[in-house]
Amino acid sequence: MRTLTDIEIQIIKDRLDRCLIAYVEIYDELLDHYITALEQTPEEEFDRKKNALDYEFSWSIIKQMEKDLQKVAWRELMNTAKSSYKVWTLSWKKIGVLMLTSLILIPIFHFAGEEFYYVAAMMFFVILIGSAIYYNRKKYGFTLSISPGKHQPKHIMAAMFFGSQGLVFGVINLFAQLLPKFLQNTPYENFTPILFLFLGTLLLAFSWVVFTSINLKTFKLIKS
């Protein structure tokens, strides 16, 4: 076994960068797999072995790995979300924070009235921005560039988290917009402020509880 030179490692990274790999987990695992395999290869065989690895992990194979990882991560996220709402299993610290949050929301609701939901939605997006910074603190920000030199892989659980928040916001926002219209001119019209309080609180609670329960787990995709 030998140690790869800086140039050889950069050659590997250049190839992986050209693949525009979506997730950090796949990038890191492939990099480790390449290095481990090539360290066991004589220097004169480096190019041949690397080309063989490139063929083994072609662009289509990497895209399939991304799809497989998304399925595993989404299942992990859903399990986390479901278990997060078992309040009796939460630590006293989390229960205390939820109670404190509820107490803080009451005067906000009293001040904002029916606009409370929109205040909650704004706070929801603040949580998302904070989550983006936290989960990608080693690789700040997202980029829309497809240039290999600017492309930055994302953490899969962060991507799934943001995706779930978009879904939750869409569903809750639909209820927030439609239900008050259905309640208009009915005996239940006065319940509209309470409805906004409930939906706004639900939006913030889901975001916070799932965010604090998630771990950036390592998902092994390449079989040894």
C-alpha atoms as a PDB file:
ATOM      1  CA  MET A   1       0.000   0.000   0.000  1.00  0.00           C
ATOM      2  CA  ARG A   2       1.221   3.474  -0.835  1.00  0.00           C
ATOM      3  CA  THR A   3       0.169   7.043  -0.124  1.00  0.00           C
ATOM      4  CA  LEU A   4      -1.316   8.945  -3.049  1.00  0.00           C
ATOM      5  CA  THR A   5       0.350  12.198  -4.053  1.00  0.00           C
ATOM      6  CA  ASP A   6      -1.487  15.526  -3.852  1.00  0.00           C
ATOM      7  CA  ILE A   7      -1.669  15.583  -7.652  1.00  0.00           C
ATOM      8  CA  GLU A   8      -3.268  12.109  -7.769  1.00  0.00           C
ATOM      9  CA  ILE A   9      -5.840  13.076  -5.135  1.00  0.00           C
ATOM     10  CA  GLN A  10      -6.633  16.248  -7.076  1.00  0.00           C
ATOM     11  CA  ILE A  11      -7.136  14.187 -10.245  1.00  0.00           C
ATOM     12  CA  ILE A  12      -9.716  12.098  -8.361  1.00  0.00           C
ATOM     13  CA  LYS A  13     -11.457  15.209  -7.008  1.00  0.00           C
ATOM     14  CA  ASP A  14     -11.542  16.799 -10.457  1.00  0.00           C
ATOM     15  CA  ARG A  15     -13.344  13.744 -11.818  1.00  0.00           C
ATOM     16  CA  LEU A  16     -15.877  13.732  -8.977  1.00  0.00           C
ATOM     17  CA  ASP A  17     -16.437  17.475  -9.393  1.00  0.00           C
ATOM     18  CA  ARG A  18     -17.242  16.969 -13.079  1.00  0.00           C
ATOM     19  CA  CYS A  19     -19.991  14.523 -12.060  1.00  0.00           C
ATOM     20  CA  LEU A  20     -21.825  17.356 -10.203  1.00  0.00           C
ATOM     21  CA  ILE A  21     -22.646  15.016  -7.326  1.00  0.00           C
ATOM     22  CA  ALA A  22     -25.678  16.320  -5.430  1.00  0.00           C
ATOM     23  CA  TYR A  23     -24.928  15.055  -1.918  1.00  0.00           C
ATOM     24  CA  VAL A  24     -21.916  15.305   0.378  1.00  0.00           C
ATOM     25  CA  GLU A  25     -22.415  11.738   1.590  1.00  0.00           C
ATOM     26  CA  ILE A  26     -21.981  10.257  -1.903  1.00  0.00           C
ATOM     27  CA  TYR A  27     -19.068  12.564  -2.743  1.00  0.00           C
ATOM     28  CA  ASP A  28     -17.181  11.671   0.444  1.00  0.00           C
ATOM     29  CA  GLU A  29     -17.880   7.946   0.090  1.00  0.00           C
ATOM     30  CA  LEU A  30     -16.729   7.853  -3.534  1.00  0.00           C
ATOM     31  CA  LEU A  31     -13.616   9.865  -2.696  1.00  0.00           C
ATOM     32  CA  ASP A  32     -12.765   7.444   0.108  1.00  0.00           C
ATOM     33  CA  HIS A  33     -13.472   4.449  -2.164  1.00  0.00           C
ATOM     34  CA  TYR A  34     -11.233   5.812  -4.944  1.00  0.00           C
ATOM     35  CA  ILE A  35      -8.369   6.608  -2.566  1.00  0.00           C
ATOM     36  CA  THR A  36      -8.549   3.231  -0.799  1.00  0.00           C
ATOM     37  CA  ALA A  37      -8.576   1.328  -4.101  1.00  0.00           C
ATOM     38  CA  LEU A  38      -5.796   3.386  -5.706  1.00  0.00           C
ATOM     39  CA  GLU A  39      -3.545   3.209  -2.650  1.00  0.00           C
ATOM     40  CA  GLN A  40      -3.374  -0.529  -3.287  1.00  0.00           C
ATOM     41  CA  THR A  41      -2.385   0.043  -6.929  1.00  0.00           C
ATOM     42  CA  PRO A  42       1.202   0.590  -8.134  1.00  0.00           C
ATOM     43  CA  GLU A  43       1.907   4.119  -9.327  1.00  0.00           C
ATOM     44  CA  GLU A  44       2.305   3.017 -12.945  1.00  0.00           C
ATOM     45  CA  GLU A  45      -1.170   1.430 -12.827  1.00  0.00           C
ATOM     46  CA  PHE A  46      -2.861   4.562 -11.446  1.00  0.00           C
ATOM     47  CA  ASP A  47      -4.427   5.720 -14.720  1.00  0.00           C
ATOM     48  CA  ARG A  48      -5.704   2.253 -15.672  1.00  0.00           C
ATOM     49  CA  LYS A  49      -7.261   1.640 -12.244  1.00  0.00           C
ATOM     50  CA  LYS A  50      -8.775   5.115 -12.064  1.00  0.00           C
ATOM     51  CA  ASN A  51     -10.349   4.687 -15.492  1.00  0.00           C
ATOM     52  CA  ALA A  52     -11.799   1.365 -14.320  1.00  0.00           C
ATOM     53  CA  LEU A  53     -13.276   3.107 -11.267  1.00  0.00           C
ATOM     54  CA  ASP A  54     -14.645   5.874 -13.487  1.00  0.00           C
ATOM     55  CA  TYR A  55     -16.390   3.221 -15.563  1.00  0.00           C
ATOM     56  CA  GLU A  56     -17.681   1.416 -12.446  1.00  0.00           C
ATOM     57  CA  PHE A  57     -19.074   4.676 -11.071  1.00  0.00           C
ATOM     58  CA  SER A  58     -20.303   6.265 -14.271  1.00  0.00           C
ATOM     59  CA  TRP A  59     -22.602   9.303 -14.284  1.00  0.00           C
ATOM     60  CA  SER A  60     -25.707   7.087 -14.553  1.00  0.00           C
ATOM     61  CA  ILE A  61     -24.568   4.929 -11.612  1.00  0.00           C
ATOM     62  CA  ILE A  62     -23.963   8.027  -9.477  1.00  0.00           C
ATOM     63  CA  LYS A  63     -27.431   9.385 -10.323  1.00  0.00           C
ATOM     64  CA  GLN A  64     -28.938   6.044  -9.272  1.00  0.00           C
ATOM     65  CA  MET A  65     -26.965   6.251  -6.016  1.00  0.00           C
ATOM     66  CA  GLU A  66     -28.483   9.691  -5.447  1.00  0.00           C
ATOM     67  CA  LYS A  67     -32.003   8.309  -5.962  1.00  0.00           C
ATOM     68  CA  ASP A  68     -31.335   5.410  -3.585  1.00  0.00           C
ATOM     69  CA  LEU A  69     -29.933   7.797  -0.992  1.00  0.00           C
ATOM     70  CA  GLN A  70     -32.988  10.055  -1.288  1.00  0.00           C
ATOM     71  CA  LYS A  71     -35.302   7.101  -0.577  1.00  0.00           C
ATOM     72  CA  VAL A  72     -33.304   6.045   2.491  1.00  0.00           C
ATOM     73  CA  ALA A  73     -33.028   9.621   3.801  1.00  0.00           C
ATOM     74  CA  TRP A  74     -36.733  10.367   3.241  1.00  0.00           C
ATOM     75  CA  ARG A  75     -37.661   7.208   5.169  1.00  0.00           C
ATOM     76  CA  GLU A  76     -35.319   8.300   7.972  1.00  0.00           C
ATOM     77  CA  LEU A  77     -36.878  11.773   7.998  1.00  0.00           C
ATOM     78  CA  MET A  78     -40.430  10.409   8.150  1.00  0.00           C
ATOM     79  CA  ASN A  79     -39.500   8.097  11.038  1.00  0.00           C
ATOM     80  CA  THR A  80     -37.936  11.075  12.809  1.00  0.00           C
ATOM     81  CA  ALA A  81     -41.002  13.246  12.186  1.00  0.00           C
ATOM     82  CA  LYS A  82     -43.409  10.574  13.458  1.00  0.00           C
ATOM     83  CA  SER A  83     -41.405   9.859  16.600  1.00  0.00           C
ATOM     84  CA  SER A  84     -40.932  13.588  17.259  1.00  0.00           C
ATOM     85  CA  TYR A  85     -44.638  14.003  17.984  1.00  0.00           C
ATOM     86  CA  LYS A  86     -44.634  11.401  20.733  1.00  0.00           C
ATOM     87  CA  VAL A  87     -44.533  14.158  23.318  1.00  0.00           C
ATOM     88  CA  TRP A  88     -44.194  11.688  26.170  1.00  0.00           C
ATOM     89  CA  THR A  89     -40.844  10.536  24.753  1.00  0.00           C
ATOM     90  CA  LEU A  90     -39.387  14.049  24.487  1.00  0.00           C
ATOM     91  CA  SER A  91     -36.842  15.211  27.015  1.00  0.00           C
ATOM     92  CA  TRP A  92     -37.932  17.686  29.690  1.00  0.00           C
ATOM     93  CA  LYS A  93     -35.727  20.264  27.999  1.00  0.00           C
ATOM     94  CA  LYS A  94     -37.638  19.996  24.703  1.00  0.00           C
ATOM     95  CA  ILE A  95     -41.010  20.009  26.474  1.00  0.00           C
ATOM     96  CA  GLY A  96     -39.903  23.107  28.390  1.00  0.00           C
ATOM     97  CA  VAL A  97     -38.876  24.877  25.189  1.00  0.00           C
ATOM     98  CA  LEU A  98     -42.216  24.009  23.541  1.00  0.00           C
ATOM     99  CA  MET A  99     -44.119  25.371  26.566  1.00  0.00           C
ATOM    100  CA  LEU A 100     -41.989  28.525  26.606  1.00  0.00           C
ATOM    101  CA  THR A 101     -42.571  28.972  22.873  1.00  0.00           C
ATOM    102  CA  SER A 102     -46.332  28.682  23.419  1.00  0.00           C
ATOM    103  CA  LEU A 103     -46.206  31.339  26.149  1.00  0.00           C
ATOM    104  CA  ILE A 104     -44.264  33.675  23.852  1.00  0.00           C
ATOM    105  CA  LEU A 105     -46.734  33.093  21.005  1.00  0.00           C
ATOM    106  CA  ILE A 106     -49.768  34.141  23.077  1.00  0.00           C
ATOM    107  CA  PRO A 107     -48.855  37.878  23.289  1.00  0.00           C
ATOM    108  CA  ILE A 108     -47.719  37.762  19.639  1.00  0.00           C
ATOM    109  CA  PHE A 109     -51.125  36.374  18.704  1.00  0.00           C
ATOM    110  CA  HIS A 110     -52.883  38.981  20.888  1.00  0.00           C
ATOM    111  CA  PHE A 111     -50.950  41.770  19.122  1.00  0.00           C
ATOM    112  CA  ALA A 112     -51.153  40.363  15.573  1.00  0.00           C
ATOM    113  CA  GLY A 113     -54.707  38.982  15.672  1.00  0.00           C
ATOM    114  CA  GLU A 114     -55.627  37.242  12.454  1.00  0.00           C
ATOM    115  CA  GLU A 115     -52.261  38.295  11.006  1.00  0.00           C
ATOM    116  CA  PHE A 116     -50.600  35.869  13.442  1.00  0.00           C
ATOM    117  CA  TYR A 117     -50.437  33.158  10.805  1.00  0.00           C
ATOM    118  CA  TYR A 118     -48.391  35.382   8.505  1.00  0.00           C
ATOM    119  CA  VAL A 119     -46.072  36.301  11.390  1.00  0.00           C
ATOM    120  CA  ALA A 120     -45.638  32.568  12.047  1.00  0.00           C
ATOM    121  CA  ALA A 121     -44.936  31.965   8.348  1.00  0.00           C
ATOM    122  CA  MET A 122     -42.215  34.635   8.454  1.00  0.00           C
ATOM    123  CA  MET A 123     -40.708  33.011  11.558  1.00  0.00           C
ATOM    124  CA  PHE A 124     -40.934  29.668   9.762  1.00  0.00           C
ATOM    125  CA  PHE A 125     -38.717  30.944   6.954  1.00  0.00           C
ATOM    126  CA  VAL A 126     -36.271  32.374   9.492  1.00  0.00           C
ATOM    127  CA  ILE A 127     -36.004  28.860  10.967  1.00  0.00           C
ATOM    128  CA  LEU A 128     -35.371  27.467   7.478  1.00  0.00           C
ATOM    129  CA  ILE A 129     -32.563  29.957   6.856  1.00  0.00           C
ATOM    130  CA  GLY A 130     -31.020  29.102  10.238  1.00  0.00           C
ATOM    131  CA  SER A 131     -31.326  25.410   9.402  1.00  0.00           C
ATOM    132  CA  ALA A 132     -29.607  25.931   6.055  1.00  0.00           C
ATOM    133  CA  ILE A 133     -26.648  27.595   7.779  1.00  0.00           C
ATOM    134  CA  TYR A 134     -26.482  24.922  10.498  1.00  0.00           C
ATOM    135  CA  TYR A 135     -26.676  21.877   8.250  1.00  0.00           C
ATOM    136  CA  ASN A 136     -24.238  23.332   5.736  1.00  0.00           C
ATOM    137  CA  ARG A 137     -21.938  25.170   8.111  1.00  0.00           C
ATOM    138  CA  LYS A 138     -18.898  23.578   6.437  1.00  0.00           C
ATOM    139  CA  LYS A 139     -20.223  24.355   2.960  1.00  0.00           C
ATOM    140  CA  TYR A 140     -22.102  27.637   3.263  1.00  0.00           C
ATOM    141  CA  GLY A 141     -24.883  28.471   0.885  1.00  0.00           C
ATOM    142  CA  PHE A 142     -26.507  26.870  -2.089  1.00  0.00           C
ATOM    143  CA  THR A 143     -25.617  27.689  -5.675  1.00  0.00           C
ATOM    144  CA  LEU A 144     -27.594  27.351  -8.874  1.00  0.00           C
ATOM    145  CA  SER A 145     -24.399  27.180 -10.914  1.00  0.00           C
ATOM    146  CA  ILE A 146     -23.702  23.942 -12.791  1.00  0.00           C
ATOM    147  CA  SER A 147     -20.029  24.810 -13.132  1.00  0.00           C
ATOM    148  CA  PRO A 148     -17.909  22.016 -11.552  1.00  0.00           C
ATOM    149  CA  GLY A 149     -15.708  24.647  -9.942  1.00  0.00           C
ATOM    150  CA  LYS A 150     -18.645  26.286  -8.143  1.00  0.00           C
ATOM    151  CA  HIS A 151     -20.909  23.310  -7.491  1.00  0.00           C
ATOM    152  CA  GLN A 152     -21.199  22.323  -3.819  1.00  0.00           C
ATOM    153  CA  PRO A 153     -22.815  19.045  -2.732  1.00  0.00           C
ATOM    154  CA  LYS A 154     -25.511  19.278  -0.036  1.00  0.00           C
ATOM    155  CA  HIS A 155     -26.141  17.138   3.020  1.00  0.00           C
ATOM    156  CA  ILE A 156     -28.914  14.696   2.107  1.00  0.00           C
ATOM    157  CA  MET A 157     -30.769  15.112   5.418  1.00  0.00           C
ATOM    158  CA  ALA A 158     -30.650  18.892   5.010  1.00  0.00           C
ATOM    159  CA  ALA A 159     -32.125  18.590   1.526  1.00  0.00           C
ATOM    160  CA  MET A 160     -34.861  16.240   2.774  1.00  0.00           C
ATOM    161  CA  PHE A 161     -35.553  18.537   5.722  1.00  0.00           C
ATOM    162  CA  PHE A 162     -36.027  21.567   3.490  1.00  0.00           C
ATOM    163  CA  GLY A 163     -38.166  19.533   1.101  1.00  0.00           C
ATOM    164  CA  SER A 164     -40.429  18.387   3.925  1.00  0.00           C
ATOM    165  CA  GLN A 165     -40.776  21.950   5.191  1.00  0.00           C
ATOM    166  CA  GLY A 166     -41.891  23.093   1.754  1.00  0.00           C
ATOM    167  CA  LEU A 167     -44.487  20.331   1.684  1.00  0.00           C
ATOM    168  CA  VAL A 168     -45.739  21.131   5.188  1.00  0.00           C
ATOM    169  CA  PHE A 169     -45.902  24.853   4.440  1.00  0.00           C
ATOM    170  CA  GLY A 170     -47.847  24.189   1.241  1.00  0.00           C
ATOM    171  CA  VAL A 171     -50.443  22.002   2.979  1.00  0.00           C
ATOM    172  CA  ILE A 172     -50.861  24.261   6.018  1.00  0.00           C
ATOM    173  CA  ASN A 173     -50.944  27.399   3.876  1.00  0.00           C
ATOM    174  CA  LEU A 174     -53.703  25.838   1.762  1.00  0.00           C
ATOM    175  CA  PHE A 175     -55.773  25.270   4.908  1.00  0.00           C
ATOM    176  CA  ALA A 176     -54.970  28.786   6.141  1.00  0.00           C
ATOM    177  CA  GLN A 177     -56.243  30.331   2.920  1.00  0.00           C
ATOM    178  CA  LEU A 178     -59.304  28.131   2.293  1.00  0.00           C
ATOM    179  CA  LEU A 179     -60.800  27.350   5.719  1.00  0.00           C
ATOM    180  CA  PRO A 180     -61.548  30.987   6.691  1.00  0.00           C
ATOM    181  CA  LYS A 181     -63.464  31.358   3.412  1.00  0.00           C
ATOM    182  CA  PHE A 182     -65.530  28.271   4.234  1.00  0.00           C
ATOM    183  CA  LEU A 183     -66.223  29.635   7.735  1.00  0.00           C
ATOM    184  CA  GLN A 184     -67.419  33.019   6.464  1.00  0.00           C
ATOM    185  CA  ASN A 185     -71.068  33.771   7.226  1.00  0.00           C
ATOM    186  CA  THR A 186     -71.357  30.631   9.359  1.00  0.00           C
ATOM    187  CA  PRO A 187     -71.774  30.236  13.145  1.00  0.00           C
ATOM    188  CA  TYR A 188     -68.087  29.238  13.247  1.00  0.00           C
ATOM    189  CA  GLU A 189     -66.733  32.425  11.687  1.00  0.00           C
ATOM    190  CA  ASN A 190     -65.481  33.643  15.079  1.00  0.00           C
ATOM    191  CA  PHE A 191     -63.172  30.642  15.241  1.00  0.00           C
ATOM    192  CA  THR A 192     -60.992  32.070  12.443  1.00  0.00           C
ATOM    193  CA  PRO A 193     -58.445  33.712  14.825  1.00  0.00           C
ATOM    194  CA  ILE A 194     -58.157  30.445  16.785  1.00  0.00           C
ATOM    195  CA  LEU A 195     -57.688  28.582  13.516  1.00  0.00           C
ATOM    196  CA  PHE A 196     -54.817  30.898  12.567  1.00  0.00           C
ATOM    197  CA  LEU A 197     -53.280  30.439  16.025  1.00  0.00           C
ATOM    198  CA  PHE A 198     -53.438  26.658  15.665  1.00  0.00           C
ATOM    199  CA  LEU A 199     -52.045  26.560  12.126  1.00  0.00           C
ATOM    200  CA  GLY A 200     -49.263  29.044  12.885  1.00  0.00           C
ATOM    201  CA  THR A 201     -48.237  27.167  16.015  1.00  0.00           C
ATOM    202  CA  LEU A 202     -48.338  23.850  14.133  1.00  0.00           C
ATOM    203  CA  LEU A 203     -46.091  25.293  11.427  1.00  0.00           C
ATOM    204  CA  LEU A 204     -43.464  26.435  13.935  1.00  0.00           C
ATOM    205  CA  ALA A 205     -43.699  23.325  16.127  1.00  0.00           C
ATOM    206  CA  PHE A 206     -43.159  20.937  13.213  1.00  0.00           C
ATOM    207  CA  SER A 207     -40.151  22.886  11.993  1.00  0.00           C
ATOM    208  CA  TRP A 208     -38.506  23.118  15.409  1.00  0.00           C
ATOM    209  CA  VAL A 209     -39.194  19.579  16.655  1.00  0.00           C
ATOM    210  CA  VAL A 210     -38.065  17.827  13.464  1.00  0.00           C
ATOM    211  CA  PHE A 211     -35.044  20.120  13.130  1.00  0.00           C
ATOM    212  CA  THR A 212     -33.831  19.351  16.650  1.00  0.00           C
ATOM    213  CA  SER A 213     -34.473  15.605  16.238  1.00  0.00           C
ATOM    214  CA  ILE A 214     -32.596  15.120  12.958  1.00  0.00           C
ATOM    215  CA  ASN A 215     -29.043  13.808  12.808  1.00  0.00           C
ATOM    216  CA  LEU A 216     -26.651  14.088   9.884  1.00  0.00           C
ATOM    217  CA  LYS A 217     -26.243  10.329   9.687  1.00  0.00           C
ATOM    218  CA  THR A 218     -23.803   8.580   7.404  1.00  0.00           C
ATOM    219  CA  PHE A 219     -25.523   6.350   4.858  1.00  0.00           C
ATOM    220  CA  LYS A 220     -23.313   3.615   3.438  1.00  0.00           C
ATOM    221  CA  LEU A 221     -24.102   2.990  -0.227  1.00  0.00           C
ATOM    222  CA  ILE A 222     -21.014   1.257  -1.602  1.00  0.00           C
ATOM    223  CA  LYS A 223     -20.679  -2.369  -0.555  1.00  0.00           C
ATOM    224  CA  SER A 224     -17.209  -3.317   0.577  1.00  0.00           C
END
